[in-house]
Full PDB file with SEQRES, HELIX, SHEET, SSBOND, CRYST1, ORIGX, SCALE, CONECT and MASTER records, all heavy atoms in Angstrom:
SEQRES   1 A   36  VAL VAL GLY ASP ILE LEU ARG PRO GLU VAL GLY MET VAL          
SEQRES   2 A   36  ARG ASP VAL VAL ALA LEU LEU ARG PHE ALA ALA THR HIS          
SEQRES   3 A   36  GLY PHE LEU ARG ASP ALA LEU ILE GLY LEU                      
HELIX    1 AA1 MET A   12  HIS A   26  1                                  15    
HELIX    2 AA2 LEU A   29  GLY A   35  1                                   7    
CRYST1    1.000    1.000    1.000  90.00  90.00  90.00 P 1           1          
ORIGX1      1.000000  0.000000  0.000000        0.00000                         
ORIGX2      0.000000  1.000000  0.000000        0.00000                         
ORIGX3      0.000000  0.000000  1.000000        0.00000                         
SCALE1      1.000000  0.000000  0.000000        0.00000                         
SCALE2      0.000000  1.000000  0.000000        0.00000                         
SCALE3      0.000000  0.000000  1.000000        0.00000                         
ATOM      1  N   VAL A   1       0.845  -1.176   0.076  1.00  0.00           N  
ATOM      2  CA  VAL A   1       0.034   0.010  -0.094  1.00  0.00           C  
ATOM      3  C   VAL A   1       0.935   1.241  -0.019  1.00  0.00           C  
ATOM      4  O   VAL A   1       1.639   1.438   0.899  1.00  0.00           O  
ATOM      5  CB  VAL A   1      -0.989   0.007   1.249  1.00  0.00           C  
ATOM      6  CG1 VAL A   1      -1.831   1.314   1.263  1.00  0.00           C  
ATOM      7  CG2 VAL A   1      -1.829  -1.333   1.141  1.00  0.00           C  
ATOM      8  N   VAL A   2       0.815   2.061  -1.036  1.00  0.00           N  
ATOM      9  CA  VAL A   2       1.629   3.208  -1.233  1.00  0.00           C  
ATOM     10  C   VAL A   2       0.708   4.422  -1.015  1.00  0.00           C  
ATOM     11  O   VAL A   2      -0.159   4.661  -1.866  1.00  0.00           O  
ATOM     12  CB  VAL A   2       2.339   3.312  -2.669  1.00  0.00           C  
ATOM     13  CG1 VAL A   2       3.233   4.437  -2.672  1.00  0.00           C  
ATOM     14  CG2 VAL A   2       3.000   1.968  -2.797  1.00  0.00           C  
ATOM     15  N   GLY A   3       0.826   5.137   0.113  1.00  0.00           N  
ATOM     16  CA  GLY A   3      -0.120   6.231   0.442  1.00  0.00           C  
ATOM     17  C   GLY A   3       0.511   7.478   0.375  1.00  0.00           C  
ATOM     18  O   GLY A   3       1.709   7.730   0.425  1.00  0.00           O  
ATOM     19  N   ASP A   4      -0.426   8.531   0.316  1.00  0.00           N  
ATOM     20  CA  ASP A   4      -0.153   9.959   0.414  1.00  0.00           C  
ATOM     21  C   ASP A   4       0.811  10.482  -0.777  1.00  0.00           C  
ATOM     22  O   ASP A   4       1.625  11.284  -0.552  1.00  0.00           O  
ATOM     23  CB  ASP A   4       0.553  10.295   1.840  1.00  0.00           C  
ATOM     24  CG  ASP A   4       0.060  11.557   2.433  1.00  0.00           C  
ATOM     25  OD1 ASP A   4      -1.188  11.896   2.261  1.00  0.00           O  
ATOM     26  OD2 ASP A   4       0.830  12.276   3.153  1.00  0.00           O  
ATOM     27  N   ILE A   5       0.353  10.040  -1.896  1.00  0.00           N  
ATOM     28  CA  ILE A   5       1.040  10.381  -3.080  1.00  0.00           C  
ATOM     29  C   ILE A   5       0.571  11.779  -3.606  1.00  0.00           C  
ATOM     30  O   ILE A   5      -0.571  11.880  -3.772  1.00  0.00           O  
ATOM     31  CB  ILE A   5       0.898   9.305  -4.261  1.00  0.00           C  
ATOM     32  CG1 ILE A   5       1.401   7.991  -3.871  1.00  0.00           C  
ATOM     33  CG2 ILE A   5       1.549   9.874  -5.492  1.00  0.00           C  
ATOM     34  CD1 ILE A   5       2.958   8.018  -3.588  1.00  0.00           C  
ATOM     35  N   LEU A   6       1.490  12.706  -3.759  1.00  0.00           N  
ATOM     36  CA  LEU A   6       1.176  14.078  -4.224  1.00  0.00           C  
ATOM     37  C   LEU A   6       1.076  14.014  -5.655  1.00  0.00           C  
ATOM     38  O   LEU A   6       1.753  13.510  -6.453  1.00  0.00           O  
ATOM     39  CB  LEU A   6       2.377  15.058  -3.895  1.00  0.00           C  
ATOM     40  CG  LEU A   6       2.506  15.523  -2.461  1.00  0.00           C  
ATOM     41  CD1 LEU A   6       2.878  14.394  -1.457  1.00  0.00           C  
ATOM     42  CD2 LEU A   6       3.552  16.690  -2.320  1.00  0.00           C  
ATOM     43  N   ARG A   7       0.025  14.742  -6.112  1.00  0.00           N  
ATOM     44  CA  ARG A   7      -0.438  14.871  -7.471  1.00  0.00           C  
ATOM     45  C   ARG A   7       0.185  16.055  -8.089  1.00  0.00           C  
ATOM     46  O   ARG A   7       0.291  17.160  -7.478  1.00  0.00           O  
ATOM     47  CB  ARG A   7      -1.779  14.781  -7.676  1.00  0.00           C  
ATOM     48  CG  ARG A   7      -2.557  13.518  -7.247  1.00  0.00           C  
ATOM     49  CD  ARG A   7      -4.063  13.730  -6.800  1.00  0.00           C  
ATOM     50  NE  ARG A   7      -4.862  14.328  -7.835  1.00  0.00           N  
ATOM     51  CZ  ARG A   7      -6.124  14.657  -7.637  1.00  0.00           C  
ATOM     52  NH1 ARG A   7      -6.582  14.483  -6.461  1.00  0.00           N  
ATOM     53  NH2 ARG A   7      -6.819  15.085  -8.639  1.00  0.00           N  
ATOM     54  N   PRO A   8       0.623  16.043  -9.380  1.00  0.00           N  
ATOM     55  CA  PRO A   8       1.243  17.137 -10.038  1.00  0.00           C  
ATOM     56  C   PRO A   8       0.362  18.380 -10.082  1.00  0.00           C  
ATOM     57  O   PRO A   8       0.789  19.649  -9.964  1.00  0.00           O  
ATOM     58  CB  PRO A   8       1.624  16.706 -11.360  1.00  0.00           C  
ATOM     59  CG  PRO A   8       1.674  15.196 -11.370  1.00  0.00           C  
ATOM     60  CD  PRO A   8       0.651  14.882 -10.253  1.00  0.00           C  
ATOM     61  N   GLU A   9      -0.884  18.191 -10.221  1.00  0.00           N  
ATOM     62  CA  GLU A   9      -1.892  19.254 -10.448  1.00  0.00           C  
ATOM     63  C   GLU A   9      -2.382  19.869  -9.134  1.00  0.00           C  
ATOM     64  O   GLU A   9      -3.223  20.821  -9.142  1.00  0.00           O  
ATOM     65  CB  GLU A   9      -3.019  18.894 -11.377  1.00  0.00           C  
ATOM     66  CG  GLU A   9      -4.064  17.995 -10.651  1.00  0.00           C  
ATOM     67  CD  GLU A   9      -3.588  16.435 -10.625  1.00  0.00           C  
ATOM     68  OE1 GLU A   9      -2.455  16.224 -11.006  1.00  0.00           O  
ATOM     69  OE2 GLU A   9      -4.457  15.581 -10.399  1.00  0.00           O  
ATOM     70  N   VAL A  10      -2.031  19.275  -8.078  1.00  0.00           N  
ATOM     71  CA  VAL A  10      -2.557  19.721  -6.819  1.00  0.00           C  
ATOM     72  C   VAL A  10      -1.371  20.437  -5.959  1.00  0.00           C  
ATOM     73  O   VAL A  10      -0.480  19.722  -5.615  1.00  0.00           O  
ATOM     74  CB  VAL A  10      -3.093  18.632  -5.970  1.00  0.00           C  
ATOM     75  CG1 VAL A  10      -3.528  19.079  -4.442  1.00  0.00           C  
ATOM     76  CG2 VAL A  10      -4.221  17.903  -6.607  1.00  0.00           C  
ATOM     77  N   GLY A  11      -1.579  21.683  -5.675  1.00  0.00           N  
ATOM     78  CA  GLY A  11      -0.529  22.412  -5.028  1.00  0.00           C  
ATOM     79  C   GLY A  11      -0.478  22.521  -3.416  1.00  0.00           C  
ATOM     80  O   GLY A  11      -1.309  21.877  -2.876  1.00  0.00           O  
ATOM     81  N   MET A  12       0.233  23.415  -2.929  1.00  0.00           N  
ATOM     82  CA  MET A  12       0.329  23.540  -1.505  1.00  0.00           C  
ATOM     83  C   MET A  12      -0.867  24.006  -0.858  1.00  0.00           C  
ATOM     84  O   MET A  12      -1.261  23.756   0.284  1.00  0.00           O  
ATOM     85  CB  MET A  12       1.614  24.325  -1.134  1.00  0.00           C  
ATOM     86  CG  MET A  12       1.866  24.414   0.324  1.00  0.00           C  
ATOM     87  SD  MET A  12       3.286  25.540   0.743  1.00  0.00           S  
ATOM     88  CE  MET A  12       4.596  24.746  -0.029  1.00  0.00           C  
ATOM     89  N   VAL A  13      -1.673  24.812  -1.624  1.00  0.00           N  
ATOM     90  CA  VAL A  13      -2.906  25.325  -1.029  1.00  0.00           C  
ATOM     91  C   VAL A  13      -3.846  24.365  -0.621  1.00  0.00           C  
ATOM     92  O   VAL A  13      -4.487  24.386   0.526  1.00  0.00           O  
ATOM     93  CB  VAL A  13      -3.612  26.248  -2.148  1.00  0.00           C  
ATOM     94  CG1 VAL A  13      -4.963  26.659  -1.615  1.00  0.00           C  
ATOM     95  CG2 VAL A  13      -2.799  27.505  -2.344  1.00  0.00           C  
ATOM     96  N   ARG A  14      -3.979  23.248  -1.336  1.00  0.00           N  
ATOM     97  CA  ARG A  14      -4.838  22.108  -0.986  1.00  0.00           C  
ATOM     98  C   ARG A  14      -4.362  21.483   0.323  1.00  0.00           C  
ATOM     99  O   ARG A  14      -5.130  20.973   1.106  1.00  0.00           O  
ATOM    100  CB  ARG A  14      -5.019  21.067  -2.098  1.00  0.00           C  
ATOM    101  CG  ARG A  14      -5.807  21.634  -3.285  1.00  0.00           C  
ATOM    102  CD  ARG A  14      -7.245  21.785  -2.906  1.00  0.00           C  
ATOM    103  NE  ARG A  14      -8.017  22.381  -3.875  1.00  0.00           N  
ATOM    104  CZ  ARG A  14      -8.650  21.705  -5.014  1.00  0.00           C  
ATOM    105  NH1 ARG A  14      -8.474  20.348  -4.989  1.00  0.00           N  
ATOM    106  NH2 ARG A  14      -9.334  22.267  -5.928  1.00  0.00           N  
ATOM    107  N   ASP A  15      -2.994  21.322   0.496  1.00  0.00           N  
ATOM    108  CA  ASP A  15      -2.443  20.734   1.638  1.00  0.00           C  
ATOM    109  C   ASP A  15      -2.896  21.679   2.945  1.00  0.00           C  
ATOM    110  O   ASP A  15      -3.133  21.182   3.950  1.00  0.00           O  
ATOM    111  CB  ASP A  15      -0.887  20.633   1.568  1.00  0.00           C  
ATOM    112  CG  ASP A  15      -0.465  19.643   0.596  1.00  0.00           C  
ATOM    113  OD1 ASP A  15      -1.252  18.731   0.220  1.00  0.00           O  
ATOM    114  OD2 ASP A  15       0.807  19.706   0.198  1.00  0.00           O  
ATOM    115  N   VAL A  16      -2.711  22.876   2.717  1.00  0.00           N  
ATOM    116  CA  VAL A  16      -3.081  23.868   3.772  1.00  0.00           C  
ATOM    117  C   VAL A  16      -4.625  23.722   4.115  1.00  0.00           C  
ATOM    118  O   VAL A  16      -4.967  23.637   5.357  1.00  0.00           O  
ATOM    119  CB  VAL A  16      -2.813  25.320   3.374  1.00  0.00           C  
ATOM    120  CG1 VAL A  16      -3.422  26.263   4.447  1.00  0.00           C  
ATOM    121  CG2 VAL A  16      -1.294  25.526   3.293  1.00  0.00           C  
ATOM    122  N   VAL A  17      -5.554  23.699   3.179  1.00  0.00           N  
ATOM    123  CA  VAL A  17      -6.905  23.451   3.334  1.00  0.00           C  
ATOM    124  C   VAL A  17      -7.147  22.114   4.150  1.00  0.00           C  
ATOM    125  O   VAL A  17      -8.022  22.078   4.998  1.00  0.00           O  
ATOM    126  CB  VAL A  17      -7.654  23.578   2.037  1.00  0.00           C  
ATOM    127  CG1 VAL A  17      -9.037  23.145   2.285  1.00  0.00           C  
ATOM    128  CG2 VAL A  17      -7.666  24.917   1.368  1.00  0.00           C  
ATOM    129  N   ALA A  18      -6.488  21.061   3.643  1.00  0.00           N  
ATOM    130  CA  ALA A  18      -6.658  19.848   4.226  1.00  0.00           C  
ATOM    131  C   ALA A  18      -6.296  19.849   5.822  1.00  0.00           C  
ATOM    132  O   ALA A  18      -7.030  19.178   6.645  1.00  0.00           O  
ATOM    133  CB  ALA A  18      -6.006  18.705   3.552  1.00  0.00           C  
ATOM    134  N   LEU A  19      -5.140  20.518   6.014  1.00  0.00           N  
ATOM    135  CA  LEU A  19      -4.742  20.595   7.501  1.00  0.00           C  
ATOM    136  C   LEU A  19      -5.759  21.429   8.343  1.00  0.00           C  
ATOM    137  O   LEU A  19      -6.074  21.014   9.437  1.00  0.00           O  
ATOM    138  CB  LEU A  19      -3.299  21.219   7.416  1.00  0.00           C  
ATOM    139  CG  LEU A  19      -2.884  21.567   8.820  1.00  0.00           C  
ATOM    140  CD1 LEU A  19      -2.701  20.311   9.795  1.00  0.00           C  
ATOM    141  CD2 LEU A  19      -1.524  22.411   8.897  1.00  0.00           C  
ATOM    142  N   LEU A  20      -6.212  22.589   7.655  1.00  0.00           N  
ATOM    143  CA  LEU A  20      -7.055  23.383   8.510  1.00  0.00           C  
ATOM    144  C   LEU A  20      -8.463  22.686   8.753  1.00  0.00           C  
ATOM    145  O   LEU A  20      -8.973  22.873   9.799  1.00  0.00           O  
ATOM    146  CB  LEU A  20      -7.291  24.703   7.766  1.00  0.00           C  
ATOM    147  CG  LEU A  20      -6.062  25.629   7.547  1.00  0.00           C  
ATOM    148  CD1 LEU A  20      -6.434  26.860   6.883  1.00  0.00           C  
ATOM    149  CD2 LEU A  20      -5.683  25.940   9.071  1.00  0.00           C  
ATOM    150  N   ARG A  21      -8.969  21.949   7.756  1.00  0.00           N  
ATOM    151  CA  ARG A  21     -10.150  21.109   7.920  1.00  0.00           C  
ATOM    152  C   ARG A  21      -9.962  20.131   9.023  1.00  0.00           C  
ATOM    153  O   ARG A  21     -10.887  19.902   9.814  1.00  0.00           O  
ATOM    154  CB  ARG A  21     -10.616  20.457   6.699  1.00  0.00           C  
ATOM    155  CG  ARG A  21     -11.127  21.401   5.616  1.00  0.00           C  
ATOM    156  CD  ARG A  21     -11.588  20.532   4.430  1.00  0.00           C  
ATOM    157  NE  ARG A  21     -12.280  21.339   3.401  1.00  0.00           N  
ATOM    158  CZ  ARG A  21     -12.600  20.879   2.191  1.00  0.00           C  
ATOM    159  NH1 ARG A  21     -12.369  19.559   1.928  1.00  0.00           N  
ATOM    160  NH2 ARG A  21     -13.266  21.657   1.375  1.00  0.00           N  
ATOM    161  N   PHE A  22      -8.917  19.470   8.994  1.00  0.00           N  
ATOM    162  CA  PHE A  22      -8.457  18.387  10.076  1.00  0.00           C  
ATOM    163  C   PHE A  22      -8.433  19.091  11.356  1.00  0.00           C  
ATOM    164  O   PHE A  22      -8.934  18.507  12.341  1.00  0.00           O  
ATOM    165  CB  PHE A  22      -7.149  17.774   9.735  1.00  0.00           C  
ATOM    166  CG  PHE A  22      -6.659  16.641  10.583  1.00  0.00           C  
ATOM    167  CD1 PHE A  22      -7.622  15.507  10.793  1.00  0.00           C  
ATOM    168  CD2 PHE A  22      -5.513  16.621  11.057  1.00  0.00           C  
ATOM    169  CE1 PHE A  22      -7.126  14.485  11.506  1.00  0.00           C  
ATOM    170  CE2 PHE A  22      -5.055  15.479  11.868  1.00  0.00           C  
ATOM    171  CZ  PHE A  22      -5.905  14.527  12.139  1.00  0.00           C  
ATOM    172  N   ALA A  23      -7.719  20.163  11.522  1.00  0.00           N  
ATOM    173  CA  ALA A  23      -7.539  20.949  12.723  1.00  0.00           C  
ATOM    174  C   ALA A  23      -8.975  21.381  13.238  1.00  0.00           C  
ATOM    175  O   ALA A  23      -9.228  21.433  14.412  1.00  0.00           O  
ATOM    176  CB  ALA A  23      -6.678  22.104  12.546  1.00  0.00           C  
ATOM    177  N   ALA A  24      -9.788  21.963  12.327  1.00  0.00           N  
ATOM    178  CA  ALA A  24     -11.116  22.438  12.841  1.00  0.00           C  
ATOM    179  C   ALA A  24     -11.916  21.310  13.364  1.00  0.00           C  
ATOM    180  O   ALA A  24     -12.689  21.476  14.407  1.00  0.00           O  
ATOM    181  CB  ALA A  24     -11.779  23.198  11.785  1.00  0.00           C  
ATOM    182  N   THR A  25     -11.820  20.229  12.726  1.00  0.00           N  
ATOM    183  CA  THR A  25     -12.709  18.940  13.204  1.00  0.00           C  
ATOM    184  C   THR A  25     -12.227  18.636  14.588  1.00  0.00           C  
ATOM    185  O   THR A  25     -13.033  18.149  15.345  1.00  0.00           O  
ATOM    186  CB  THR A  25     -12.481  17.901  12.186  1.00  0.00           C  
ATOM    187  OG1 THR A  25     -13.055  18.321  10.829  1.00  0.00           O  
ATOM    188  CG2 THR A  25     -13.346  16.701  12.606  1.00  0.00           C  
ATOM    189  N   HIS A  26     -10.889  18.638  14.850  1.00  0.00           N  
ATOM    190  CA  HIS A  26     -10.344  18.045  16.026  1.00  0.00           C  
ATOM    191  C   HIS A  26      -9.873  19.016  17.107  1.00  0.00           C  
ATOM    192  O   HIS A  26      -9.332  18.583  18.032  1.00  0.00           O  
ATOM    193  CB  HIS A  26      -9.174  17.065  15.796  1.00  0.00           C  
ATOM    194  CG  HIS A  26      -9.661  15.919  14.793  1.00  0.00           C  
ATOM    195  ND1 HIS A  26     -10.251  14.818  15.299  1.00  0.00           N  
ATOM    196  CD2 HIS A  26      -9.604  15.702  13.465  1.00  0.00           C  
ATOM    197  CE1 HIS A  26     -10.631  13.993  14.363  1.00  0.00           C  
ATOM    198  NE2 HIS A  26     -10.187  14.454  13.302  1.00  0.00           N  
ATOM    199  N   GLY A  27     -10.082  20.300  16.894  1.00  0.00           N  
ATOM    200  CA  GLY A  27     -10.044  21.243  17.988  1.00  0.00           C  
ATOM    201  C   GLY A  27      -8.583  21.817  18.039  1.00  0.00           C  
ATOM    202  O   GLY A  27      -8.284  22.335  19.260  1.00  0.00           O  
ATOM    203  N   PHE A  28      -7.813  21.901  17.069  1.00  0.00           N  
ATOM    204  CA  PHE A  28      -6.587  22.549  17.224  1.00  0.00           C  
ATOM    205  C   PHE A  28      -6.271  23.535  16.066  1.00  0.00           C  
ATOM    206  O   PHE A  28      -5.219  23.753  15.567  1.00  0.00           O  
ATOM    207  CB  PHE A  28      -5.339  21.526  17.275  1.00  0.00           C  
ATOM    208  CG  PHE A  28      -5.182  20.699  15.990  1.00  0.00           C  
ATOM    209  CD1 PHE A  28      -4.174  20.907  15.082  1.00  0.00           C  
ATOM    210  CD2 PHE A  28      -5.888  19.529  15.733  1.00  0.00           C  
ATOM    211  CE1 PHE A  28      -3.965  20.219  13.794  1.00  0.00           C  
ATOM    212  CE2 PHE A  28      -5.646  18.689  14.694  1.00  0.00           C  
ATOM    213  CZ  PHE A  28      -4.699  19.026  13.734  1.00  0.00           C  
ATOM    214  N   LEU A  29      -7.358  24.160  15.656  1.00  0.00           N  
ATOM    215  CA  LEU A  29      -7.298  25.201  14.653  1.00  0.00           C  
ATOM    216  C   LEU A  29      -6.317  26.379  14.872  1.00  0.00           C  
ATOM    217  O   LEU A  29      -5.481  26.678  14.003  1.00  0.00           O  
ATOM    218  CB  LEU A  29      -8.723  25.722  14.292  1.00  0.00           C  
ATOM    219  CG  LEU A  29      -8.756  26.717  12.933  1.00  0.00           C  
ATOM    220  CD1 LEU A  29      -8.241  26.103  11.802  1.00  0.00           C  
ATOM    221  CD2 LEU A  29     -10.268  27.208  12.957  1.00  0.00           C  
ATOM    222  N   ARG A  30      -6.414  26.962  16.053  1.00  0.00           N  
ATOM    223  CA  ARG A  30      -5.511  28.015  16.364  1.00  0.00           C  
ATOM    224  C   ARG A  30      -3.998  27.544  16.429  1.00  0.00           C  
ATOM    225  O   ARG A  30      -3.129  28.260  15.693  1.00  0.00           O  
ATOM    226  CB  ARG A  30      -5.730  28.511  17.786  1.00  0.00           C  
ATOM    227  CG  ARG A  30      -4.884  29.652  18.266  1.00  0.00           C  
ATOM    228  CD  ARG A  30      -5.340  30.147  19.636  1.00  0.00           C  
ATOM    229  NE  ARG A  30      -4.359  31.267  20.086  1.00  0.00           N  
ATOM    230  CZ  ARG A  30      -3.258  31.015  20.754  1.00  0.00           C  
ATOM    231  NH1 ARG A  30      -2.804  29.784  20.995  1.00  0.00           N  
ATOM    232  NH2 ARG A  30      -2.424  32.098  21.150  1.00  0.00           N  
ATOM    233  N   ASP A  31      -3.718  26.404  16.915  1.00  0.00           N  
ATOM    234  CA  ASP A  31      -2.264  25.805  16.802  1.00  0.00           C  
ATOM    235  C   ASP A  31      -1.939  25.624  15.341  1.00  0.00           C  
ATOM    236  O   ASP A  31      -0.867  25.854  14.971  1.00  0.00           O  
ATOM    237  CB  ASP A  31      -2.342  24.554  17.475  1.00  0.00           C  
ATOM    238  CG  ASP A  31      -2.304  24.792  19.093  1.00  0.00           C  
ATOM    239  OD1 ASP A  31      -1.954  25.959  19.540  1.00  0.00           O  
ATOM    240  OD2 ASP A  31      -2.756  23.846  19.814  1.00  0.00           O  
ATOM    241  N   ALA A  32      -2.894  25.079  14.499  1.00  0.00           N  
ATOM    242  CA  ALA A  32      -2.586  24.861  13.111  1.00  0.00           C  
ATOM    243  C   ALA A  32      -2.140  26.201  12.457  1.00  0.00           C  
ATOM    244  O   ALA A  32      -1.262  26.294  11.563  1.00  0.00           O  
ATOM    245  CB  ALA A  32      -3.751  24.200  12.478  1.00  0.00           C  
ATOM    246  N   LEU A  33      -2.993  27.342  12.733  1.00  0.00           N  
ATOM    247  CA  LEU A  33      -2.732  28.540  12.082  1.00  0.00           C  
ATOM    248  C   LEU A  33      -1.311  29.110  12.403  1.00  0.00           C  
ATOM    249  O   LEU A  33      -0.574  29.536  11.578  1.00  0.00           O  
ATOM    250  CB  LEU A  33      -3.799  29.499  12.404  1.00  0.00           C  
ATOM    251  CG  LEU A  33      -5.162  29.262  11.743  1.00  0.00           C  
ATOM    252  CD1 LEU A  33      -6.238  30.086  12.403  1.00  0.00           C  
ATOM    253  CD2 LEU A  33      -5.097  29.560  10.258  1.00  0.00           C  
ATOM    254  N   ILE A  34      -0.972  28.998  13.679  1.00  0.00           N  
ATOM    255  CA  ILE A  34       0.315  29.341  14.134  1.00  0.00           C  
ATOM    256  C   ILE A  34       1.404  28.485  13.557  1.00  0.00           C  
ATOM    257  O   ILE A  34       2.421  28.899  13.174  1.00  0.00           O  
ATOM    258  CB  ILE A  34       0.346  29.287  15.664  1.00  0.00           C  
ATOM    259  CG1 ILE A  34      -0.602  30.341  16.345  1.00  0.00           C  
ATOM    260  CG2 ILE A  34       1.743  29.534  16.262  1.00  0.00           C  
ATOM    261  CD1 ILE A  34      -0.703  30.177  17.823  1.00  0.00           C  
ATOM    262  N   GLY A  35       1.076  27.115  13.402  1.00  0.00           N  
ATOM    263  CA  GLY A  35       2.067  26.207  12.955  1.00  0.00           C  
ATOM    264  C   GLY A  35       2.332  26.487  11.455  1.00  0.00           C  
ATOM    265  O   GLY A  35       3.429  26.302  11.060  1.00  0.00           O  
ATOM    266  N   LEU A  36       1.381  26.940  10.786  1.00  0.00           N  
ATOM    267  CA  LEU A  36       1.623  27.219   9.368  1.00  0.00           C  
ATOM    268  C   LEU A  36       2.539  28.440   9.124  1.00  0.00           C  
ATOM    269  O   LEU A  36       3.407  28.382   8.222  1.00  0.00           O  
ATOM    270  CB  LEU A  36       0.151  27.571   8.596  1.00  0.00           C  
ATOM    271  CG  LEU A  36      -0.696  26.339   8.381  1.00  0.00           C  
ATOM    272  CD1 LEU A  36      -2.030  26.811   7.958  1.00  0.00           C  
ATOM    273  CD2 LEU A  36      -0.027  25.427   7.351  1.00  0.00           C  
TER     274      LEU A  36                                                      
MASTER        0    0    0    2    0    0    0    6  273    1    0    3          
END                                                                             
């Protein structure tokens, strides 16, 4: 199983959005923003 493959057409913005969604769902949004 080869996971988390980055696609050529998907840039860093989508990575940021995915992180912020994950953070908002699990209660560390403020830390995520500071971490970025």
